N, C-alpha and C. Protein backbone atom coordinates (compact mmCIF):
# COMPACT_ATOMS: atom_id res chain seq x y z
N UNK A 1 11.80 16.31 6.52
CA UNK A 1 12.02 15.21 5.58
C UNK A 1 11.00 14.10 5.87
N UNK A 2 10.40 13.54 4.83
CA UNK A 2 9.40 12.49 5.06
C UNK A 2 10.04 11.22 5.59
N UNK A 3 9.19 10.41 6.22
CA UNK A 3 9.65 9.15 6.78
C UNK A 3 10.10 8.22 5.66
N UNK A 4 11.24 7.57 5.83
CA UNK A 4 11.74 6.60 4.86
C UNK A 4 11.62 5.21 5.47
N UNK A 5 11.07 4.29 4.71
CA UNK A 5 10.94 2.92 5.20
C UNK A 5 12.31 2.27 5.34
N UNK A 6 12.53 1.59 6.46
CA UNK A 6 13.75 0.83 6.64
C UNK A 6 13.68 -0.41 5.75
N UNK A 7 14.81 -1.05 5.50
CA UNK A 7 14.83 -2.24 4.65
C UNK A 7 13.95 -3.35 5.22
N UNK A 8 13.88 -3.43 6.54
CA UNK A 8 13.06 -4.47 7.17
C UNK A 8 11.56 -4.19 7.02
N UNK A 9 11.20 -2.97 6.61
CA UNK A 9 9.79 -2.59 6.44
C UNK A 9 9.35 -2.59 4.98
N UNK A 10 10.23 -3.04 4.08
CA UNK A 10 9.91 -3.01 2.66
C UNK A 10 9.82 -4.42 2.09
N UNK A 11 8.95 -4.58 1.13
CA UNK A 11 8.90 -5.80 0.34
C UNK A 11 9.61 -5.48 -0.96
N UNK A 12 10.68 -6.20 -1.26
CA UNK A 12 11.53 -5.84 -2.39
C UNK A 12 11.66 -6.94 -3.42
N UNK A 13 11.62 -8.18 -3.01
CA UNK A 13 11.83 -9.28 -3.95
C UNK A 13 10.54 -9.69 -4.62
N UNK A 14 10.65 -10.12 -5.87
CA UNK A 14 9.47 -10.56 -6.61
C UNK A 14 8.80 -11.73 -5.91
N UNK A 15 9.56 -12.64 -5.34
CA UNK A 15 8.98 -13.80 -4.65
C UNK A 15 8.15 -13.36 -3.44
N UNK A 16 8.57 -12.29 -2.76
CA UNK A 16 7.80 -11.76 -1.63
C UNK A 16 6.50 -11.13 -2.11
N UNK A 17 6.55 -10.39 -3.22
CA UNK A 17 5.34 -9.81 -3.79
C UNK A 17 4.35 -10.91 -4.16
N UNK A 18 4.84 -11.96 -4.82
CA UNK A 18 3.98 -13.06 -5.27
C UNK A 18 3.35 -13.77 -4.08
N UNK A 19 4.11 -14.02 -3.03
CA UNK A 19 3.55 -14.72 -1.88
C UNK A 19 2.48 -13.90 -1.18
N UNK A 20 2.65 -12.57 -1.10
CA UNK A 20 1.63 -11.72 -0.49
C UNK A 20 0.40 -11.66 -1.38
N UNK A 21 0.60 -11.65 -2.69
CA UNK A 21 -0.53 -11.55 -3.62
C UNK A 21 -1.37 -12.82 -3.67
N UNK A 22 -0.90 -13.88 -3.04
CA UNK A 22 -1.71 -15.10 -2.90
C UNK A 22 -2.65 -15.00 -1.70
N UNK A 23 -2.49 -13.96 -0.89
CA UNK A 23 -3.33 -13.77 0.29
C UNK A 23 -4.65 -13.11 -0.07
N UNK A 24 -5.18 -12.35 0.87
CA UNK A 24 -6.48 -11.69 0.67
C UNK A 24 -6.31 -10.42 -0.16
N UNK A 25 -7.43 -10.01 -0.82
CA UNK A 25 -7.38 -8.85 -1.70
C UNK A 25 -8.63 -8.00 -1.54
N UNK A 26 -8.43 -6.68 -1.57
CA UNK A 26 -9.52 -5.70 -1.59
C UNK A 26 -9.19 -4.64 -2.64
N UNK A 27 -10.22 -4.07 -3.25
CA UNK A 27 -10.01 -3.00 -4.23
C UNK A 27 -10.98 -1.85 -3.96
N UNK A 28 -10.49 -0.63 -4.11
CA UNK A 28 -11.29 0.57 -3.96
C UNK A 28 -10.77 1.62 -4.94
N UNK A 29 -11.64 2.15 -5.78
CA UNK A 29 -11.32 3.28 -6.66
C UNK A 29 -10.02 3.12 -7.46
N UNK A 30 -9.73 1.95 -7.96
CA UNK A 30 -8.54 1.77 -8.77
C UNK A 30 -7.29 1.44 -7.99
N UNK A 31 -7.40 1.22 -6.70
CA UNK A 31 -6.26 0.83 -5.88
C UNK A 31 -6.59 -0.50 -5.23
N UNK A 32 -5.72 -1.48 -5.41
CA UNK A 32 -5.93 -2.81 -4.83
C UNK A 32 -4.94 -3.02 -3.69
N UNK A 33 -5.39 -3.73 -2.68
CA UNK A 33 -4.55 -4.08 -1.54
C UNK A 33 -4.54 -5.59 -1.40
N UNK A 34 -3.36 -6.18 -1.42
CA UNK A 34 -3.16 -7.58 -1.12
C UNK A 34 -2.47 -7.62 0.24
N UNK A 35 -2.94 -8.50 1.12
CA UNK A 35 -2.32 -8.54 2.45
C UNK A 35 -2.32 -9.96 3.00
N UNK A 36 -1.34 -10.22 3.86
CA UNK A 36 -1.25 -11.50 4.56
C UNK A 36 -0.44 -11.29 5.83
N UNK A 37 -0.64 -12.16 6.80
CA UNK A 37 0.08 -12.09 8.07
C UNK A 37 1.55 -12.41 7.86
N UNK A 38 2.40 -11.83 8.70
CA UNK A 38 3.81 -12.22 8.71
C UNK A 38 4.23 -12.47 10.16
N UNK A 39 5.40 -13.01 10.33
CA UNK A 39 5.91 -13.33 11.66
C UNK A 39 6.88 -12.27 12.18
N UNK A 40 7.06 -11.20 11.42
CA UNK A 40 8.04 -10.18 11.79
C UNK A 40 7.56 -9.30 12.94
N UNK A 41 6.25 -9.18 13.16
CA UNK A 41 5.74 -8.34 14.24
C UNK A 41 5.59 -6.88 13.85
N UNK A 42 5.90 -6.54 12.60
CA UNK A 42 5.71 -5.17 12.11
C UNK A 42 5.29 -5.23 10.64
N UNK A 43 4.90 -4.09 10.11
CA UNK A 43 4.44 -4.04 8.74
C UNK A 43 5.59 -4.12 7.76
N UNK A 44 5.30 -4.72 6.62
CA UNK A 44 6.20 -4.65 5.47
C UNK A 44 5.32 -4.20 4.31
N UNK A 45 5.79 -3.21 3.58
CA UNK A 45 4.97 -2.58 2.55
C UNK A 45 5.66 -2.65 1.20
N UNK A 46 4.87 -2.94 0.16
CA UNK A 46 5.33 -2.90 -1.22
C UNK A 46 4.29 -2.17 -2.05
N UNK A 47 4.74 -1.37 -3.00
CA UNK A 47 3.84 -0.62 -3.87
C UNK A 47 4.22 -0.92 -5.31
N UNK A 48 3.21 -1.24 -6.11
CA UNK A 48 3.44 -1.57 -7.52
C UNK A 48 2.59 -0.66 -8.39
N UNK A 49 3.25 -0.01 -9.35
CA UNK A 49 2.56 0.84 -10.33
C UNK A 49 3.07 0.43 -11.70
N UNK A 50 2.18 -0.01 -12.57
CA UNK A 50 2.57 -0.51 -13.88
C UNK A 50 3.05 0.58 -14.83
N UNK A 51 3.81 0.16 -15.83
CA UNK A 51 4.36 1.10 -16.81
C UNK A 51 3.30 1.74 -17.69
N UNK A 52 2.15 1.11 -17.81
CA UNK A 52 1.09 1.66 -18.66
C UNK A 52 0.40 2.85 -18.02
N UNK A 53 0.57 3.04 -16.71
CA UNK A 53 -0.10 4.14 -16.02
C UNK A 53 0.51 5.50 -16.33
N UNK A 54 1.82 5.58 -16.29
CA UNK A 54 2.50 6.87 -16.48
C UNK A 54 3.97 6.63 -16.79
N UNK A 55 4.67 7.71 -17.05
CA UNK A 55 6.11 7.59 -17.23
C UNK A 55 6.77 7.42 -15.85
N UNK A 56 8.09 7.32 -15.81
CA UNK A 56 8.79 7.04 -14.56
C UNK A 56 8.52 8.10 -13.50
N UNK A 57 8.49 9.35 -13.89
CA UNK A 57 8.24 10.43 -12.94
C UNK A 57 6.86 10.29 -12.32
N UNK A 58 5.85 10.02 -13.14
CA UNK A 58 4.49 9.87 -12.64
C UNK A 58 4.33 8.65 -11.75
N UNK A 59 4.97 7.54 -12.11
CA UNK A 59 4.89 6.33 -11.29
C UNK A 59 5.54 6.54 -9.93
N UNK A 60 6.71 7.15 -9.91
CA UNK A 60 7.40 7.38 -8.64
C UNK A 60 6.64 8.36 -7.76
N UNK A 61 6.02 9.37 -8.37
CA UNK A 61 5.21 10.33 -7.61
C UNK A 61 4.03 9.63 -6.96
N UNK A 62 3.36 8.77 -7.71
CA UNK A 62 2.21 8.03 -7.17
C UNK A 62 2.65 7.08 -6.06
N UNK A 63 3.79 6.43 -6.21
CA UNK A 63 4.30 5.54 -5.15
C UNK A 63 4.60 6.32 -3.87
N UNK A 64 5.21 7.50 -4.02
CA UNK A 64 5.50 8.33 -2.84
C UNK A 64 4.22 8.75 -2.14
N UNK A 65 3.20 9.12 -2.90
CA UNK A 65 1.93 9.51 -2.31
C UNK A 65 1.29 8.35 -1.56
N UNK A 66 1.32 7.16 -2.15
CA UNK A 66 0.73 5.99 -1.51
C UNK A 66 1.46 5.67 -0.22
N UNK A 67 2.80 5.69 -0.24
CA UNK A 67 3.58 5.41 0.97
C UNK A 67 3.31 6.43 2.07
N UNK A 68 3.21 7.70 1.71
CA UNK A 68 2.93 8.74 2.71
C UNK A 68 1.55 8.53 3.34
N UNK A 69 0.58 8.16 2.53
CA UNK A 69 -0.77 7.93 3.05
C UNK A 69 -0.81 6.70 3.95
N UNK A 70 -0.05 5.68 3.61
CA UNK A 70 0.02 4.48 4.45
C UNK A 70 0.54 4.85 5.83
N UNK A 71 1.58 5.67 5.88
CA UNK A 71 2.16 6.05 7.17
C UNK A 71 1.19 6.90 7.98
N UNK A 72 0.38 7.74 7.34
CA UNK A 72 -0.62 8.53 8.07
C UNK A 72 -1.67 7.63 8.70
N UNK A 73 -2.10 6.61 7.96
CA UNK A 73 -3.18 5.74 8.44
C UNK A 73 -2.67 4.75 9.47
N UNK A 74 -1.47 4.23 9.30
CA UNK A 74 -0.94 3.16 10.17
C UNK A 74 0.00 3.66 11.27
N UNK A 75 0.02 4.94 11.55
CA UNK A 75 1.01 5.46 12.49
C UNK A 75 0.92 4.86 13.89
N UNK A 76 -0.26 4.44 14.35
CA UNK A 76 -0.41 3.92 15.71
C UNK A 76 -0.65 2.42 15.75
N UNK A 77 -0.51 1.74 14.62
CA UNK A 77 -0.80 0.31 14.55
C UNK A 77 0.51 -0.45 14.45
N UNK A 78 0.59 -1.59 15.13
CA UNK A 78 1.87 -2.31 15.14
C UNK A 78 1.74 -3.81 14.91
N UNK A 79 0.62 -4.27 14.37
CA UNK A 79 0.50 -5.71 14.12
C UNK A 79 1.26 -6.08 12.86
N UNK A 80 1.58 -7.36 12.72
CA UNK A 80 2.44 -7.80 11.64
C UNK A 80 1.72 -8.26 10.39
N UNK A 81 1.71 -7.44 9.36
CA UNK A 81 1.12 -7.78 8.07
C UNK A 81 2.07 -7.38 6.96
N UNK A 82 2.03 -8.14 5.87
CA UNK A 82 2.67 -7.75 4.64
C UNK A 82 1.60 -7.12 3.77
N UNK A 83 1.85 -5.93 3.26
CA UNK A 83 0.88 -5.20 2.45
C UNK A 83 1.47 -4.90 1.08
N UNK A 84 0.72 -5.19 0.03
CA UNK A 84 1.12 -4.83 -1.33
C UNK A 84 -0.01 -4.02 -1.94
N UNK A 85 0.29 -2.79 -2.32
CA UNK A 85 -0.67 -1.91 -2.97
C UNK A 85 -0.37 -1.90 -4.46
N UNK A 86 -1.40 -2.09 -5.28
CA UNK A 86 -1.25 -2.10 -6.73
C UNK A 86 -2.19 -1.03 -7.30
N UNK A 87 -1.62 -0.05 -8.00
CA UNK A 87 -2.41 1.01 -8.61
C UNK A 87 -2.89 0.54 -9.98
N UNK A 88 -4.16 0.76 -10.26
CA UNK A 88 -4.77 0.39 -11.54
C UNK A 88 -4.94 1.63 -12.41
N UNK A 89 -5.40 1.42 -13.62
CA UNK A 89 -5.51 2.48 -14.62
C UNK A 89 -6.39 3.65 -14.14
N UNK A 90 -7.46 3.38 -13.40
CA UNK A 90 -8.35 4.44 -12.93
C UNK A 90 -7.65 5.38 -11.94
N UNK A 91 -6.53 4.97 -11.42
CA UNK A 91 -5.82 5.70 -10.37
C UNK A 91 -4.67 6.53 -10.93
N UNK A 92 -4.52 6.58 -12.25
CA UNK A 92 -3.35 7.20 -12.88
C UNK A 92 -3.20 8.68 -12.54
N UNK A 93 -4.27 9.45 -12.57
CA UNK A 93 -4.18 10.89 -12.35
C UNK A 93 -4.79 11.32 -11.02
N UNK A 94 -4.67 10.49 -10.01
CA UNK A 94 -5.28 10.77 -8.72
C UNK A 94 -4.50 11.85 -7.97
N UNK A 95 -5.24 12.73 -7.30
CA UNK A 95 -4.60 13.72 -6.46
C UNK A 95 -4.38 13.13 -5.06
N UNK A 96 -3.68 13.88 -4.21
CA UNK A 96 -3.31 13.35 -2.89
C UNK A 96 -4.53 13.03 -2.03
N UNK A 97 -5.55 13.85 -2.10
CA UNK A 97 -6.77 13.60 -1.31
C UNK A 97 -7.44 12.29 -1.69
N UNK A 98 -7.50 12.01 -2.98
CA UNK A 98 -8.11 10.75 -3.44
C UNK A 98 -7.27 9.55 -3.01
N UNK A 99 -5.93 9.70 -3.07
CA UNK A 99 -5.04 8.61 -2.64
C UNK A 99 -5.24 8.33 -1.16
N UNK A 100 -5.26 9.38 -0.34
CA UNK A 100 -5.45 9.22 1.10
C UNK A 100 -6.78 8.56 1.42
N UNK A 101 -7.83 8.99 0.75
CA UNK A 101 -9.16 8.42 0.98
C UNK A 101 -9.19 6.93 0.61
N UNK A 102 -8.58 6.57 -0.52
CA UNK A 102 -8.57 5.17 -0.97
C UNK A 102 -7.77 4.29 -0.01
N UNK A 103 -6.59 4.75 0.41
CA UNK A 103 -5.76 3.98 1.34
C UNK A 103 -6.48 3.81 2.67
N UNK A 104 -7.08 4.89 3.16
CA UNK A 104 -7.81 4.83 4.43
C UNK A 104 -8.97 3.84 4.35
N UNK A 105 -9.75 3.89 3.28
CA UNK A 105 -10.88 2.97 3.13
C UNK A 105 -10.40 1.52 3.03
N UNK A 106 -9.33 1.28 2.28
CA UNK A 106 -8.83 -0.09 2.15
C UNK A 106 -8.37 -0.65 3.49
N UNK A 107 -7.57 0.11 4.21
CA UNK A 107 -7.02 -0.39 5.46
C UNK A 107 -8.08 -0.54 6.55
N UNK A 108 -9.13 0.27 6.51
CA UNK A 108 -10.17 0.14 7.52
C UNK A 108 -11.20 -0.93 7.18
N UNK A 109 -11.18 -1.46 5.95
CA UNK A 109 -12.06 -2.57 5.61
C UNK A 109 -11.40 -3.92 5.92
N UNK A 110 -10.16 -3.91 6.34
CA UNK A 110 -9.44 -5.13 6.66
C UNK A 110 -9.37 -5.32 8.17
N UNK A 111 -8.77 -6.42 8.57
CA UNK A 111 -8.56 -6.68 10.00
C UNK A 111 -7.37 -5.91 10.53
N UNK A 112 -6.64 -5.20 9.68
CA UNK A 112 -5.44 -4.50 10.07
C UNK A 112 -5.78 -3.32 10.99
N UNK A 113 -6.67 -2.46 10.56
CA UNK A 113 -7.06 -1.28 11.35
C UNK A 113 -8.42 -1.42 11.98
N UNK A 114 -9.20 -2.37 11.55
CA UNK A 114 -10.57 -2.50 12.05
C UNK A 114 -11.49 -1.55 11.33
N UNK A 115 -12.76 -1.56 11.68
CA UNK A 115 -13.72 -0.69 11.00
C UNK A 115 -13.46 0.78 11.24
N UNK A 116 -13.79 1.60 10.25
CA UNK A 116 -13.60 3.04 10.36
C UNK A 116 -14.55 3.61 11.39
N UNK A 117 -14.06 4.58 12.13
CA UNK A 117 -14.90 5.19 13.17
C UNK A 117 -15.42 6.54 12.76
């Protein structure tokens, strides 16, 4: 069974999404990352996929893929950041490999994971 985020690891309220989206932003291949420091000492993750991208099944599938890729990339990192991933129109029909590559590139261009090796 795949890893499920605990409630303390999720960004759920609109006000939390808005406050993180006021922080820094990076975009790669139709996927945007907004991030800011938090005081929790661990990651909090939110994923947003608009209704124009796909129907409910497609949006939920894309969110699951993004969350799985985040856990692969951040498995050994424990610094405290709030992360919000926003999928854009170019990312609507992305396969798992493209999602993993985009998430990896985004997180390694930030101070969260440091430069890619």
